[in-house]
Amino acid sequence: MTDLSAFPIATRWPASHPDRIQLYSYATPNGVK
């Protein structure tokens, strides 16, 4: 399992289901992810 704490997105929007693949569709400064 990848340590999500290494990714800033994981600290801003914690995964509601860490055991699943998360689809982040937030509008970020880099565009929609």
PDB file of N, CA and C in Angstrom:
ATOM      1  N   MET A   1       0.844  -1.198   0.000  1.00  0.00           N
ATOM      2  CA  MET A   1       0.000   0.000   0.000  1.00  0.00           C
ATOM      3  C   MET A   1       0.874   1.241   0.000  1.00  0.00           C
ATOM      4  N   THR A   2       0.550   2.180  -0.866  1.00  0.00           N
ATOM      5  CA  THR A   2       1.305   3.425  -0.938  1.00  0.00           C
ATOM      6  C   THR A   2       0.998   4.300   0.272  1.00  0.00           C
ATOM      7  N   ASP A   3       2.030   4.912   0.819  1.00  0.00           N
ATOM      8  CA  ASP A   3       1.838   5.812   1.956  1.00  0.00           C
ATOM      9  C   ASP A   3       1.290   7.137   1.453  1.00  0.00           C
ATOM     10  N   LEU A   4      -0.018   7.324   1.623  1.00  0.00           N
ATOM     11  CA  LEU A   4      -0.672   8.514   1.081  1.00  0.00           C
ATOM     12  C   LEU A   4      -0.251   9.796   1.779  1.00  0.00           C
ATOM     13  N   SER A   5       0.396   9.679   2.933  1.00  0.00           N
ATOM     14  CA  SER A   5       0.828  10.877   3.650  1.00  0.00           C
ATOM     15  C   SER A   5       1.914  11.621   2.884  1.00  0.00           C
ATOM     16  N   ALA A   6       2.497  10.957   1.881  1.00  0.00           N
ATOM     17  CA  ALA A   6       3.522  11.598   1.060  1.00  0.00           C
ATOM     18  C   ALA A   6       2.903  12.556   0.047  1.00  0.00           C
ATOM     19  N   PHE A   7       1.593  12.466  -0.136  1.00  0.00           N
ATOM     20  CA  PHE A   7       0.914  13.310  -1.108  1.00  0.00           C
ATOM     21  C   PHE A   7       0.091  14.382  -0.405  1.00  0.00           C
ATOM     22  N   PRO A   8       0.345  15.663  -0.726  1.00  0.00           N
ATOM     23  CA  PRO A   8      -0.389  16.763  -0.088  1.00  0.00           C
ATOM     24  C   PRO A   8      -1.904  16.636  -0.242  1.00  0.00           C
ATOM     25  N   ILE A   9      -2.365  16.091  -1.366  1.00  0.00           N
ATOM     26  CA  ILE A   9      -3.801  15.949  -1.605  1.00  0.00           C
ATOM     27  C   ILE A   9      -4.438  15.072  -0.535  1.00  0.00           C
ATOM     28  N   ALA A  10      -3.688  14.106  -0.044  1.00  0.00           N
ATOM     29  CA  ALA A  10      -4.229  13.186   0.955  1.00  0.00           C
ATOM     30  C   ALA A  10      -4.401  13.870   2.307  1.00  0.00           C
ATOM     31  N   THR A  11      -3.593  14.892   2.554  1.00  0.00           N
ATOM     32  CA  THR A  11      -3.713  15.597   3.822  1.00  0.00           C
ATOM     33  C   THR A  11      -4.796  16.657   3.761  1.00  0.00           C
ATOM     34  N   ARG A  12      -5.069  17.184   2.568  1.00  0.00           N
ATOM     35  CA  ARG A  12      -6.114  18.193   2.412  1.00  0.00           C
ATOM     36  C   ARG A  12      -7.491  17.548   2.340  1.00  0.00           C
ATOM     37  N   TRP A  13      -7.566  16.442   1.617  1.00  0.00           N
ATOM     38  CA  TRP A  13      -8.830  15.710   1.498  1.00  0.00           C
ATOM     39  C   TRP A  13      -8.563  14.243   1.821  1.00  0.00           C
ATOM     40  N   PRO A  14      -8.617  13.880   3.101  1.00  0.00           N
ATOM     41  CA  PRO A  14      -8.349  12.490   3.489  1.00  0.00           C
ATOM     42  C   PRO A  14      -9.324  11.525   2.807  1.00  0.00           C
ATOM     43  N   ALA A  15      -8.812  10.374   2.401  1.00  0.00           N
ATOM     44  CA  ALA A  15      -9.655   9.389   1.740  1.00  0.00           C
ATOM     45  C   ALA A  15     -10.730   8.881   2.697  1.00  0.00           C
ATOM     46  N   SER A  16     -11.973   8.920   2.249  1.00  0.00           N
ATOM     47  CA  SER A  16     -13.062   8.432   3.089  1.00  0.00           C
ATOM     48  C   SER A  16     -13.034   6.908   3.176  1.00  0.00           C
ATOM     49  N   HIS A  17     -12.465   6.271   2.132  1.00  0.00           N
ATOM     50  CA  HIS A  17     -12.316   4.817   2.109  1.00  0.00           C
ATOM     51  C   HIS A  17     -10.873   4.496   1.720  1.00  0.00           C
ATOM     52  N   PRO A  18      -9.951   4.529   2.678  1.00  0.00           N
ATOM     53  CA  PRO A  18      -8.524   4.327   2.391  1.00  0.00           C
ATOM     54  C   PRO A  18      -8.229   2.994   1.709  1.00  0.00           C
ATOM     55  N   ASP A  19      -9.116   2.022   1.853  1.00  0.00           N
ATOM     56  CA  ASP A  19      -8.891   0.710   1.260  1.00  0.00           C
ATOM     57  C   ASP A  19      -9.326   0.654  -0.201  1.00  0.00           C
ATOM     58  N   ARG A  20      -9.848   1.756  -0.706  1.00  0.00           N
ATOM     59  CA  ARG A  20     -10.305   1.792  -2.097  1.00  0.00           C
ATOM     60  C   ARG A  20      -9.506   2.807  -2.900  1.00  0.00           C
ATOM     61  N   ILE A  21      -9.536   2.659  -4.208  1.00  0.00           N
ATOM     62  CA  ILE A  21      -8.933   3.671  -5.071  1.00  0.00           C
ATOM     63  C   ILE A  21      -9.828   4.898  -5.049  1.00  0.00           C
ATOM     64  N   GLN A  22      -9.254   6.044  -4.732  1.00  0.00           N
ATOM     65  CA  GLN A  22     -10.035   7.266  -4.638  1.00  0.00           C
ATOM     66  C   GLN A  22      -9.989   8.050  -5.946  1.00  0.00           C
ATOM     67  N   LEU A  23     -11.125   8.594  -6.333  1.00  0.00           N
ATOM     68  CA  LEU A  23     -11.180   9.459  -7.507  1.00  0.00           C
ATOM     69  C   LEU A  23     -11.361  10.886  -7.023  1.00  0.00           C
ATOM     70  N   TYR A  24     -10.274  11.641  -7.088  1.00  0.00           N
ATOM     71  CA  TYR A  24     -10.330  13.039  -6.668  1.00  0.00           C
ATOM     72  C   TYR A  24     -10.691  13.911  -7.864  1.00  0.00           C
ATOM     73  N   SER A  25     -11.841  14.540  -7.817  1.00  0.00           N
ATOM     74  CA  SER A  25     -12.281  15.388  -8.925  1.00  0.00           C
ATOM     75  C   SER A  25     -12.413  16.831  -8.468  1.00  0.00           C
ATOM     76  N   TYR A  26     -11.563  17.211  -7.506  1.00  0.00           N
ATOM     77  CA  TYR A  26     -11.575  18.588  -7.027  1.00  0.00           C
ATOM     78  C   TYR A  26     -10.862  19.501  -8.015  1.00  0.00           C
ATOM     79  N   ALA A  27     -11.353  20.719  -8.154  1.00  0.00           N
ATOM     80  CA  ALA A  27     -10.671  21.702  -8.990  1.00  0.00           C
ATOM     81  C   ALA A  27      -9.467  22.237  -8.218  1.00  0.00           C
ATOM     82  N   THR A  28      -8.288  21.863  -8.645  1.00  0.00           N
ATOM     83  CA  THR A  28      -7.056  22.284  -7.979  1.00  0.00           C
ATOM     84  C   THR A  28      -6.363  23.353  -8.819  1.00  0.00           C
ATOM     85  N   PRO A  29      -5.364  24.031  -8.244  1.00  0.00           N
ATOM     86  CA  PRO A  29      -4.606  25.023  -9.018  1.00  0.00           C
ATOM     87  C   PRO A  29      -3.977  24.427 -10.281  1.00  0.00           C
ATOM     88  N   ASN A  30      -3.776  23.120 -10.287  1.00  0.00           N
ATOM     89  CA  ASN A  30      -3.194  22.460 -11.449  1.00  0.00           C
ATOM     90  C   ASN A  30      -4.266  21.979 -12.427  1.00  0.00           C
ATOM     91  N   GLY A  31      -5.510  22.302 -12.127  1.00  0.00           N
ATOM     92  CA  GLY A  31      -6.602  21.827 -12.972  1.00  0.00           C
ATOM     93  C   GLY A  31      -7.394  20.750 -12.259  1.00  0.00           C
ATOM     94  N   VAL A  32      -8.368  20.191 -12.933  1.00  0.00           N
ATOM     95  CA  VAL A  32      -9.201  19.153 -12.335  1.00  0.00           C
ATOM     96  C   VAL A  32      -8.453  17.831 -12.348  1.00  0.00           C
ATOM     97  N   LYS A  33      -8.345  17.210 -11.195  1.00  0.00           N
ATOM     98  CA  LYS A  33      -7.667  15.911 -11.114  1.00  0.00           C
ATOM     99  C   LYS A  33      -8.718  14.803 -11.032  1.00  0.00           C
TER     100      LYS A  33
END
